[in-house]
Amino acid sequence: MIPKSGSRFSEKIMFKQKAGPRSDLIEADRGLAFEENEIVTWTVVRSAMAAAAATLALAAAQPVQAQGRLDARYGATLSGIPIGKGAWVIDIAENQYTAAASGATAGLLRVFASGQGTSASRGFMVSGTPVPASFAATITSDKKTEEIRMTLGAGGVKEFVITPPPPPDPKRVPVTEEHRRGVSDPMTASLLRVPGNGNPVGPNACKRTASIFDGRIRYNLQFAYKRMETVKADKGYAGPAVVCAIYFVPVAGHIASRTAIKYLASQRDIEAWLAPVAGTRVLVPFRISVPTPLGLGVVQATQFVSVAQPRAAAAAAKPKAQ
């Protein structure tokens, strides 16, 4: 996966922005890097495809769910040139889940801009659907580090903090309390639970809109079914994948006049190829493709090892009457 830190270089080329000593340009560049990458980083498998919708209070009343684990590795390319790599580990238990990802620039991109990032999410499984409780991300680039921490519950963001805090910008669309309701974090949004009893790898996986807040930007990702494909990782999964078109809709926290925001919002050829986590009805990205002015950006799994885990042991039988 491409870390957010790698985008500053690419943005200056892709959108022809000129760097300069002025503080407003520096902040604009920095803000643009984080804004575009928090979204595109989802497209490099961090980020954002299903909204959580259920209260934690229902958890105890739900039946036991299947369990699974995914250990995946990804490579990122731009016009066929390697620019990044990453790892993603997901554990889904009966009533809780954890997901952790890490990424770093690689190949030619390291000559111009090096960086790395990590993110993690954890929460509860409610009727088989991931419901987030916490999200954290750390992004390091150019000897600078930014940390994002969020806690979630009752269908929204309870609190969040960015360190160091970003300077205010009057051009930024304000994020209100209402914008932080009914949302998911980018990591949890990448775990798509498909309802029903049939094969989850099918058109129904694309019938959704994900509402996401990443600590900076509130946006929606709208899905639409495109086709079925067959995929094969170098190690692990080989089989069908459902391909969804992805449409980015900014809601708040962004600067509407910025070129990157306009570009992403106008795209109609972003695709997510989704494959299953064994033992569950959860699908996650196997491949993401995003057109850019420099060519097609692709993040694809090189390893996709998914294993169904045994369900928790049944409660011990009552002792026999004496």
Protein backbone atom coordinates (compact mmCIF):
# COMPACT_ATOMS: atom_id res chain seq x y z
CA MET A 1 0.00 0.00 0.00
CA ILE A 2 1.14 3.58 -0.61
CA PRO A 3 1.67 5.50 2.61
CA LYS A 4 0.13 8.92 2.84
CA SER A 5 3.58 10.42 3.09
CA GLY A 6 4.43 9.46 -0.45
CA SER A 7 1.82 11.72 -2.00
CA ARG A 8 3.47 15.08 -1.60
CA PHE A 9 5.90 14.34 -4.41
CA SER A 10 3.27 12.77 -6.64
CA GLU A 11 0.80 15.61 -6.10
CA LYS A 12 3.32 18.21 -7.20
CA ILE A 13 3.80 16.31 -10.44
CA MET A 14 0.23 15.15 -11.00
CA PHE A 15 -1.41 18.50 -10.35
CA LYS A 16 1.55 20.75 -11.26
CA GLN A 17 1.63 22.60 -7.96
CA LYS A 18 4.73 24.68 -7.34
CA ALA A 19 6.47 24.42 -4.01
CA GLY A 20 7.71 27.65 -2.46
CA PRO A 21 8.83 29.21 0.78
CA ARG A 22 5.44 30.81 1.48
CA SER A 23 3.81 29.28 4.54
CA ASP A 24 0.38 29.19 2.92
CA LEU A 25 1.73 27.18 -0.01
CA ILE A 26 3.54 24.81 2.32
CA GLU A 27 0.39 24.25 4.34
CA ALA A 28 -1.70 23.90 1.19
CA ASP A 29 0.69 21.26 -0.11
CA ARG A 30 0.73 19.47 3.22
CA GLY A 31 -3.03 19.61 3.56
CA LEU A 32 -3.55 18.42 0.03
CA ALA A 33 -1.18 15.54 0.57
CA PHE A 34 -3.06 14.32 3.60
CA GLU A 35 -6.50 14.94 2.10
CA GLU A 36 -5.91 13.14 -1.16
CA ASN A 37 -3.95 10.35 0.44
CA GLU A 38 -6.39 9.66 3.25
CA ILE A 39 -8.84 8.94 0.45
CA VAL A 40 -6.47 7.29 -1.99
CA THR A 41 -4.82 5.46 0.87
CA TRP A 42 -8.12 3.78 1.30
CA THR A 43 -7.78 2.84 -2.32
CA VAL A 44 -4.47 1.38 -1.42
CA VAL A 45 -6.19 -0.76 1.07
CA ARG A 46 -6.69 1.33 4.05
CA SER A 47 -9.11 2.80 3.52
CA ALA A 48 -13.12 2.74 2.88
CA MET A 49 -15.97 0.60 1.74
CA ALA A 50 -18.70 -0.24 4.19
CA ALA A 51 -20.48 1.80 6.82
CA ALA A 52 -21.12 0.33 10.27
CA ALA A 53 -24.79 0.42 11.19
CA ALA A 54 -25.88 -1.16 14.45
CA THR A 55 -25.64 -0.45 18.15
CA LEU A 56 -23.24 -2.26 20.43
CA ALA A 57 -26.11 -3.04 22.75
CA LEU A 58 -27.37 -5.63 20.26
CA ALA A 59 -24.16 -7.64 20.35
CA ALA A 60 -25.08 -9.93 23.22
CA ALA A 61 -28.34 -10.93 21.58
CA GLN A 62 -26.83 -12.07 18.28
CA PRO A 63 -26.05 -15.68 17.30
CA VAL A 64 -22.47 -16.92 17.13
CA GLN A 65 -20.72 -15.81 13.93
CA ALA A 66 -18.06 -17.51 11.85
CA GLN A 67 -14.45 -16.50 12.32
CA GLY A 68 -11.57 -15.91 9.96
CA ARG A 69 -8.09 -14.44 9.60
CA LEU A 70 -6.41 -12.71 6.67
CA ASP A 71 -2.68 -12.14 6.26
CA ALA A 72 -2.16 -10.10 3.09
CA ARG A 73 0.72 -8.32 1.35
CA TYR A 74 0.28 -5.70 -1.34
CA GLY A 75 2.37 -4.01 -3.99
CA ALA A 76 1.60 -0.58 -5.46
CA THR A 77 2.52 0.54 -8.97
CA LEU A 78 2.06 3.67 -11.05
CA SER A 79 2.08 3.07 -14.81
CA GLY A 80 3.62 -0.31 -14.01
CA ILE A 81 6.48 1.16 -11.92
CA PRO A 82 6.70 -0.09 -8.29
CA ILE A 83 6.18 2.77 -5.84
CA GLY A 84 5.02 1.15 -2.60
CA LYS A 85 4.34 -1.96 -0.59
CA GLY A 86 2.31 -2.84 2.45
CA ALA A 87 0.81 -5.46 4.74
CA TRP A 88 -2.65 -5.99 6.17
CA VAL A 89 -3.67 -8.41 8.92
CA ILE A 90 -7.30 -8.91 9.91
CA ASP A 91 -8.67 -11.10 12.70
CA ILE A 92 -12.44 -11.62 12.89
CA ALA A 93 -13.75 -13.42 15.96
CA GLU A 94 -17.29 -14.22 17.09
CA ASN A 95 -18.06 -10.78 18.46
CA GLN A 96 -15.00 -8.64 17.86
CA TYR A 97 -12.40 -7.85 15.20
CA THR A 98 -9.00 -6.22 14.79
CA ALA A 99 -7.32 -4.92 11.64
CA ALA A 100 -3.83 -3.49 11.25
CA ALA A 101 -1.99 -2.19 8.19
CA SER A 102 1.46 -0.80 7.44
CA GLY A 103 2.97 0.64 4.29
CA ALA A 104 6.09 2.32 2.91
CA THR A 105 7.30 3.89 -0.29
CA ALA A 106 9.38 1.65 -2.50
CA GLY A 107 11.26 1.59 -5.78
CA LEU A 108 11.78 4.82 -7.70
CA LEU A 109 9.55 6.86 -5.39
CA ARG A 110 12.03 6.46 -2.53
CA VAL A 111 14.53 8.54 -4.51
CA PHE A 112 12.20 11.53 -4.37
CA ALA A 113 10.16 11.06 -1.20
CA SER A 114 10.36 8.40 1.47
CA GLY A 115 7.80 7.71 4.10
CA GLN A 116 5.85 5.13 6.02
CA GLY A 117 2.57 4.76 7.80
CA THR A 118 0.58 2.46 10.04
CA SER A 119 -3.08 2.28 10.94
CA ALA A 120 -5.25 0.04 13.08
CA SER A 121 -8.89 -0.40 13.93
CA ARG A 122 -10.76 -2.56 16.37
CA GLY A 123 -14.37 -3.05 17.28
CA PHE A 124 -17.28 -5.45 17.62
CA MET A 125 -19.06 -7.84 15.29
CA VAL A 126 -22.80 -7.15 15.42
CA SER A 127 -24.90 -9.55 13.35
CA GLY A 128 -21.72 -10.30 11.45
CA THR A 129 -21.10 -6.61 10.63
CA PRO A 130 -17.95 -4.80 11.88
CA VAL A 131 -18.86 -1.90 14.21
CA PRO A 132 -15.80 0.25 15.04
CA ALA A 133 -14.72 1.23 18.54
CA SER A 134 -11.31 2.79 17.91
CA PHE A 135 -9.03 3.87 15.07
CA ALA A 136 -5.42 5.06 15.08
CA ALA A 137 -2.99 6.08 12.34
CA THR A 138 0.58 7.33 12.29
CA ILE A 139 2.14 8.88 9.19
CA THR A 140 5.81 9.82 8.96
CA SER A 141 7.37 11.76 6.09
CA ASP A 142 10.10 14.33 5.63
CA LYS A 143 11.08 13.92 9.27
CA LYS A 144 7.56 14.85 10.36
CA THR A 145 5.04 12.64 12.08
CA GLU A 146 1.28 13.02 12.34
CA GLU A 147 -0.91 10.91 14.60
CA ILE A 148 -4.67 10.46 14.40
CA ARG A 149 -6.70 8.88 17.19
CA MET A 150 -10.46 8.28 17.19
CA THR A 151 -12.94 6.56 19.45
CA LEU A 152 -16.32 5.56 18.05
CA GLY A 153 -19.57 4.26 19.43
CA ALA A 154 -23.35 4.42 19.08
CA GLY A 155 -23.01 4.90 15.33
CA GLY A 156 -20.63 7.84 15.31
CA VAL A 157 -17.36 9.45 16.36
CA LYS A 158 -17.24 10.15 20.09
CA GLU A 159 -13.90 11.95 20.07
CA PHE A 160 -10.82 12.40 17.90
CA VAL A 161 -7.49 14.16 18.02
CA ILE A 162 -4.78 14.97 15.47
CA THR A 163 -1.22 15.59 16.70
CA PRO A 164 0.08 18.11 15.83
CA PRO A 165 -3.25 19.84 15.22
CA PRO A 166 -3.65 21.23 11.69
CA PRO A 167 -3.83 25.03 11.41
CA PRO A 168 -7.29 26.41 10.66
CA ASP A 169 -8.18 27.28 7.08
CA PRO A 170 -11.24 29.43 6.32
CA LYS A 171 -11.61 27.73 2.93
CA ARG A 172 -12.13 24.33 4.50
CA VAL A 173 -15.73 23.07 4.68
CA PRO A 174 -16.44 22.76 8.42
CA VAL A 175 -16.99 19.30 9.91
CA THR A 176 -20.01 19.47 12.21
CA GLU A 177 -21.20 17.10 14.88
CA GLU A 178 -23.87 15.88 12.48
CA HIS A 179 -21.16 14.95 9.96
CA ARG A 180 -19.58 12.65 12.55
CA ARG A 181 -22.75 10.62 13.08
CA GLY A 182 -23.45 7.38 11.25
CA VAL A 183 -19.88 7.05 10.00
CA SER A 184 -17.06 4.51 10.02
CA ASP A 185 -13.30 4.89 10.11
CA PRO A 186 -11.36 4.15 6.89
CA MET A 187 -10.03 0.80 8.08
CA THR A 188 -13.35 -0.64 9.24
CA ALA A 189 -14.97 0.71 6.09
CA SER A 190 -12.70 -1.61 4.10
CA LEU A 191 -14.37 -4.69 5.66
CA LEU A 192 -17.53 -5.29 3.65
CA ARG A 193 -20.04 -7.65 5.20
CA VAL A 194 -22.47 -9.11 2.64
CA PRO A 195 -25.85 -10.10 4.15
CA GLY A 196 -27.74 -13.26 3.23
CA ASN A 197 -26.90 -16.95 2.97
CA GLY A 198 -25.69 -17.27 -0.62
CA ASN A 199 -22.23 -16.76 -2.06
CA PRO A 200 -21.05 -13.34 -0.78
CA VAL A 201 -18.78 -12.81 -3.80
CA GLY A 202 -21.36 -11.33 -6.14
CA PRO A 203 -23.19 -8.16 -7.23
CA ASN A 204 -24.84 -7.63 -3.84
CA ALA A 205 -21.46 -6.69 -2.38
CA CYS A 206 -21.56 -3.49 -4.45
CA LYS A 207 -25.00 -2.35 -3.29
CA ARG A 208 -23.84 0.16 -0.70
CA THR A 209 -22.66 3.65 0.15
CA ALA A 210 -19.96 4.01 2.81
CA SER A 211 -19.95 7.08 5.05
CA ILE A 212 -16.40 7.70 6.29
CA PHE A 213 -14.59 10.12 8.59
CA ASP A 214 -10.80 9.83 8.65
CA GLY A 215 -10.06 12.51 11.28
CA ARG A 216 -9.81 15.24 8.65
CA ILE A 217 -12.30 14.64 5.86
CA ARG A 218 -15.89 13.40 5.91
CA TYR A 219 -16.72 11.72 2.62
CA ASN A 220 -18.90 9.06 1.02
CA LEU A 221 -17.84 6.21 -1.24
CA GLN A 222 -20.65 5.06 -3.52
CA PHE A 223 -20.44 1.57 -5.00
CA ALA A 224 -21.88 0.09 -8.18
CA TYR A 225 -21.50 -3.40 -9.60
CA LYS A 226 -19.36 -3.70 -12.75
CA ARG A 227 -18.40 -7.33 -13.39
CA MET A 228 -16.85 -10.52 -12.02
CA GLU A 229 -13.16 -11.40 -12.39
CA THR A 230 -10.88 -14.30 -11.43
CA VAL A 231 -7.79 -13.45 -9.38
CA LYS A 232 -4.75 -15.36 -8.20
CA ALA A 233 -2.23 -14.20 -5.61
CA ASP A 234 1.37 -15.38 -5.69
CA LYS A 235 0.57 -16.96 -2.35
CA GLY A 236 -2.88 -17.78 -1.06
CA TYR A 237 -6.24 -17.02 -2.63
CA ALA A 238 -7.20 -17.96 -6.17
CA GLY A 239 -10.81 -17.58 -7.21
CA PRO A 240 -13.59 -15.14 -8.05
CA ALA A 241 -13.57 -11.45 -7.17
CA VAL A 242 -16.43 -9.00 -7.56
CA VAL A 243 -15.48 -5.69 -9.18
CA CYS A 244 -17.20 -2.54 -7.91
CA ALA A 245 -17.00 0.95 -9.35
CA ILE A 246 -16.17 3.51 -6.64
CA TYR A 247 -17.36 7.13 -6.70
CA PHE A 248 -15.86 9.62 -4.25
CA VAL A 249 -18.21 12.27 -2.84
CA PRO A 250 -16.64 14.87 -0.50
CA VAL A 251 -18.93 16.06 2.29
CA ALA A 252 -16.90 18.17 4.74
CA GLY A 253 -13.39 18.86 5.98
CA HIS A 254 -12.05 19.44 2.47
CA ILE A 255 -11.21 22.55 0.45
CA ALA A 256 -13.55 22.36 -2.50
CA SER A 257 -11.33 24.42 -4.81
CA ARG A 258 -8.37 22.06 -4.59
CA THR A 259 -7.41 20.23 -7.75
CA ALA A 260 -7.01 16.83 -6.12
CA ILE A 261 -10.50 16.94 -4.62
CA LYS A 262 -12.04 17.96 -7.93
CA TYR A 263 -10.08 15.28 -9.75
CA LEU A 264 -11.12 12.46 -7.43
CA ALA A 265 -14.75 13.59 -7.38
CA SER A 266 -14.87 13.56 -11.19
CA GLN A 267 -13.42 10.06 -11.57
CA ARG A 268 -15.71 7.34 -12.94
CA ASP A 269 -13.11 4.61 -13.45
CA ILE A 270 -11.94 3.82 -9.91
CA GLU A 271 -12.36 0.10 -9.23
CA ALA A 272 -12.19 -2.17 -6.19
CA TRP A 273 -11.82 -5.93 -6.68
CA LEU A 274 -13.17 -7.68 -3.59
CA ALA A 275 -12.26 -11.15 -2.32
CA PRO A 276 -13.54 -13.07 0.74
CA VAL A 277 -12.07 -13.59 4.20
CA ALA A 278 -12.49 -17.35 4.73
CA GLY A 279 -15.01 -18.40 7.34
CA THR A 280 -16.92 -15.10 7.19
CA ARG A 281 -19.20 -13.10 4.92
CA VAL A 282 -16.69 -10.25 4.87
CA LEU A 283 -15.01 -9.13 1.65
CA VAL A 284 -11.91 -6.94 1.44
CA PRO A 285 -9.97 -5.35 -1.43
CA PHE A 286 -7.74 -7.68 -3.43
CA ARG A 287 -6.98 -5.00 -6.01
CA ILE A 288 -7.65 -1.28 -6.30
CA SER A 289 -7.11 0.76 -9.47
CA VAL A 290 -7.21 4.56 -9.70
CA PRO A 291 -6.59 6.55 -12.90
CA THR A 292 -4.11 9.42 -12.43
CA PRO A 293 -2.62 12.04 -14.79
CA LEU A 294 0.58 9.97 -14.71
CA GLY A 295 -1.08 6.68 -15.60
CA LEU A 296 -3.01 3.96 -13.81
CA GLY A 297 -2.29 3.53 -10.11
CA VAL A 298 -2.78 -0.05 -8.95
CA VAL A 299 -2.56 -1.73 -5.56
CA GLN A 300 -2.80 -5.51 -5.76
CA ALA A 301 -2.35 -8.38 -3.36
CA THR A 302 0.76 -10.48 -3.85
CA GLN A 303 -0.17 -12.58 -0.82
CA PHE A 304 -3.75 -13.20 0.31
CA VAL A 305 -3.71 -16.00 2.87
CA SER A 306 -7.15 -16.37 4.39
CA VAL A 307 -8.00 -19.08 6.92
CA ALA A 308 -11.28 -19.94 8.60
CA GLN A 309 -10.83 -20.14 12.36
CA PRO A 310 -12.75 -22.64 14.52
CA ARG A 311 -15.66 -21.22 16.42
CA ALA A 312 -15.39 -20.76 20.15
CA ALA A 313 -15.99 -23.90 22.11
CA ALA A 314 -19.52 -24.38 23.33
CA ALA A 315 -20.26 -23.71 26.94
CA ALA A 316 -19.37 -26.59 29.21
CA ALA A 317 -22.20 -29.00 29.96
CA LYS A 318 -23.90 -28.74 33.30
CA PRO A 319 -22.70 -31.31 35.86
CA LYS A 320 -24.89 -34.36 36.28
CA ALA A 321 -27.31 -34.42 39.18
CA GLN A 322 -26.04 -36.40 42.12
